[in-house]
């Protein structure tokens, strides 16, 4: 995946995420602008996990797929406990 694709994919995941804290969305977008895709992805996922925000199975599966390229696999596996429905 190219950097433009990473940025677009993470941006879409951020928009569809349960994250509502403006500071987190700003941080993730700043990291994307700086080309720090793995760190942006990890920041978003860490926030979801730490705040115990519910996510759908489909959303979790998308995180799993992206984590295979960007890392954070252990965190993504632990996030499975947040899947609802």
C-alpha atoms as a PDB file:
ATOM      1  CA  UNK A   1       0.000   0.000   0.000  1.00  0.00           C
ATOM      2  CA  UNK A   2       1.292   3.472  -0.812  1.00  0.00           C
ATOM      3  CA  UNK A   3       1.411   6.337   1.662  1.00  0.00           C
ATOM      4  CA  UNK A   4      -1.616   8.062   0.116  1.00  0.00           C
ATOM      5  CA  UNK A   5      -3.594   4.855   0.555  1.00  0.00           C
ATOM      6  CA  UNK A   6      -2.483   4.475   4.178  1.00  0.00           C
ATOM      7  CA  UNK A   7      -3.494   8.040   4.932  1.00  0.00           C
ATOM      8  CA  UNK A   8      -6.896   7.625   3.261  1.00  0.00           C
ATOM      9  CA  UNK A   9      -7.555   4.279   4.946  1.00  0.00           C
ATOM     10  CA  UNK A  10      -6.653   5.547   8.415  1.00  0.00           C
ATOM     11  CA  UNK A  11      -8.644   8.753   7.863  1.00  0.00           C
ATOM     12  CA  UNK A  12     -11.697   6.688   6.911  1.00  0.00           C
ATOM     13  CA  UNK A  13     -11.248   4.437   9.957  1.00  0.00           C
ATOM     14  CA  UNK A  14     -10.907   7.529  12.148  1.00  0.00           C
ATOM     15  CA  UNK A  15     -14.127   9.040  10.771  1.00  0.00           C
ATOM     16  CA  UNK A  16     -15.974   5.768  11.370  1.00  0.00           C
ATOM     17  CA  UNK A  17     -14.413   5.163  14.783  1.00  0.00           C
ATOM     18  CA  UNK A  18     -16.117   5.707  18.126  1.00  0.00           C
ATOM     19  CA  UNK A  19     -13.422   8.271  19.004  1.00  0.00           C
ATOM     20  CA  UNK A  20     -15.096  11.557  19.890  1.00  0.00           C
ATOM     21  CA  UNK A  21     -12.250  13.386  21.640  1.00  0.00           C
ATOM     22  CA  UNK A  22     -11.196  16.262  19.376  1.00  0.00           C
ATOM     23  CA  UNK A  23      -7.642  16.144  20.706  1.00  0.00           C
ATOM     24  CA  UNK A  24      -7.259  12.542  19.566  1.00  0.00           C
ATOM     25  CA  UNK A  25      -8.594  13.199  16.085  1.00  0.00           C
ATOM     26  CA  UNK A  26      -6.275  16.200  15.755  1.00  0.00           C
ATOM     27  CA  UNK A  27      -3.305  14.113  16.928  1.00  0.00           C
ATOM     28  CA  UNK A  28      -4.089  11.306  14.475  1.00  0.00           C
ATOM     29  CA  UNK A  29      -4.504  13.746  11.581  1.00  0.00           C
ATOM     30  CA  UNK A  30      -1.281  15.561  12.498  1.00  0.00           C
ATOM     31  CA  UNK A  31       0.564  12.229  12.480  1.00  0.00           C
ATOM     32  CA  UNK A  32      -0.964  11.373   9.097  1.00  0.00           C
ATOM     33  CA  UNK A  33       0.156  14.728   7.695  1.00  0.00           C
ATOM     34  CA  UNK A  34       3.670  14.005   8.960  1.00  0.00           C
ATOM     35  CA  UNK A  35       3.669  10.612   7.249  1.00  0.00           C
ATOM     36  CA  UNK A  36       3.677   8.723  10.548  1.00  0.00           C
ATOM     37  CA  UNK A  37       1.034   6.196   9.493  1.00  0.00           C
ATOM     38  CA  UNK A  38       1.898   3.426  11.949  1.00  0.00           C
ATOM     39  CA  UNK A  39       1.944   5.888  14.850  1.00  0.00           C
ATOM     40  CA  UNK A  40      -1.353   7.445  13.736  1.00  0.00           C
ATOM     41  CA  UNK A  41      -2.939   3.984  13.529  1.00  0.00           C
ATOM     42  CA  UNK A  42      -1.543   2.998  16.921  1.00  0.00           C
ATOM     43  CA  UNK A  43      -2.732   6.259  18.512  1.00  0.00           C
ATOM     44  CA  UNK A  44      -6.276   5.756  17.263  1.00  0.00           C
ATOM     45  CA  UNK A  45      -6.386   2.086  18.269  1.00  0.00           C
ATOM     46  CA  UNK A  46      -4.847   2.750  21.682  1.00  0.00           C
ATOM     47  CA  UNK A  47      -7.484   5.385  22.409  1.00  0.00           C
ATOM     48  CA  UNK A  48     -10.313   3.040  21.408  1.00  0.00           C
ATOM     49  CA  UNK A  49      -8.865   0.272  23.569  1.00  0.00           C
ATOM     50  CA  UNK A  50      -8.026   2.385  26.611  1.00  0.00           C
ATOM     51  CA  UNK A  51     -11.439   4.054  26.622  1.00  0.00           C
ATOM     52  CA  UNK A  52     -13.119   0.655  26.067  1.00  0.00           C
ATOM     53  CA  UNK A  53     -15.141   2.033  23.166  1.00  0.00           C
ATOM     54  CA  UNK A  54     -17.395  -0.519  21.473  1.00  0.00           C
ATOM     55  CA  UNK A  55     -16.624  -1.434  17.868  1.00  0.00           C
ATOM     56  CA  UNK A  56     -18.375  -3.602  15.301  1.00  0.00           C
ATOM     57  CA  UNK A  57     -17.017  -6.923  14.112  1.00  0.00           C
ATOM     58  CA  UNK A  58     -16.589  -5.488  10.605  1.00  0.00           C
ATOM     59  CA  UNK A  59     -14.646  -2.482  11.943  1.00  0.00           C
ATOM     60  CA  UNK A  60     -12.416  -4.776  14.007  1.00  0.00           C
ATOM     61  CA  UNK A  61     -11.722  -6.935  10.942  1.00  0.00           C
ATOM     62  CA  UNK A  62     -10.625  -3.831   9.035  1.00  0.00           C
ATOM     63  CA  UNK A  63      -8.285  -2.931  11.895  1.00  0.00           C
ATOM     64  CA  UNK A  64      -6.864  -6.464  11.840  1.00  0.00           C
ATOM     65  CA  UNK A  65      -6.150  -6.247   8.094  1.00  0.00           C
ATOM     66  CA  UNK A  66      -4.394  -2.900   8.421  1.00  0.00           C
ATOM     67  CA  UNK A  67      -2.452  -4.036  11.483  1.00  0.00           C
ATOM     68  CA  UNK A  68      -0.884  -6.775   9.367  1.00  0.00           C
ATOM     69  CA  UNK A  69       0.909  -4.016   7.450  1.00  0.00           C
ATOM     70  CA  UNK A  70       1.353  -1.348  10.127  1.00  0.00           C
ATOM     71  CA  UNK A  71       1.895  -3.343  13.296  1.00  0.00           C
ATOM     72  CA  UNK A  72       0.034  -3.098  16.615  1.00  0.00           C
ATOM     73  CA  UNK A  73      -1.095  -6.707  16.180  1.00  0.00           C
ATOM     74  CA  UNK A  74      -1.124  -7.471  19.910  1.00  0.00           C
ATOM     75  CA  UNK A  75      -3.236  -4.402  20.616  1.00  0.00           C
ATOM     76  CA  UNK A  76      -5.646  -5.254  17.802  1.00  0.00           C
ATOM     77  CA  UNK A  77      -6.047  -8.806  19.143  1.00  0.00           C
ATOM     78  CA  UNK A  78      -6.897  -7.422  22.589  1.00  0.00           C
ATOM     79  CA  UNK A  79      -9.427  -5.077  20.989  1.00  0.00           C
ATOM     80  CA  UNK A  80     -11.555  -8.094  20.058  1.00  0.00           C
ATOM     81  CA  UNK A  81     -13.082  -7.842  23.545  1.00  0.00           C
ATOM     82  CA  UNK A  82     -14.625  -4.518  22.487  1.00  0.00           C
ATOM     83  CA  UNK A  83     -16.578  -6.044  19.596  1.00  0.00           C
ATOM     84  CA  UNK A  84     -20.325  -5.751  20.056  1.00  0.00           C
ATOM     85  CA  UNK A  85     -23.135  -7.478  18.264  1.00  0.00           C
END
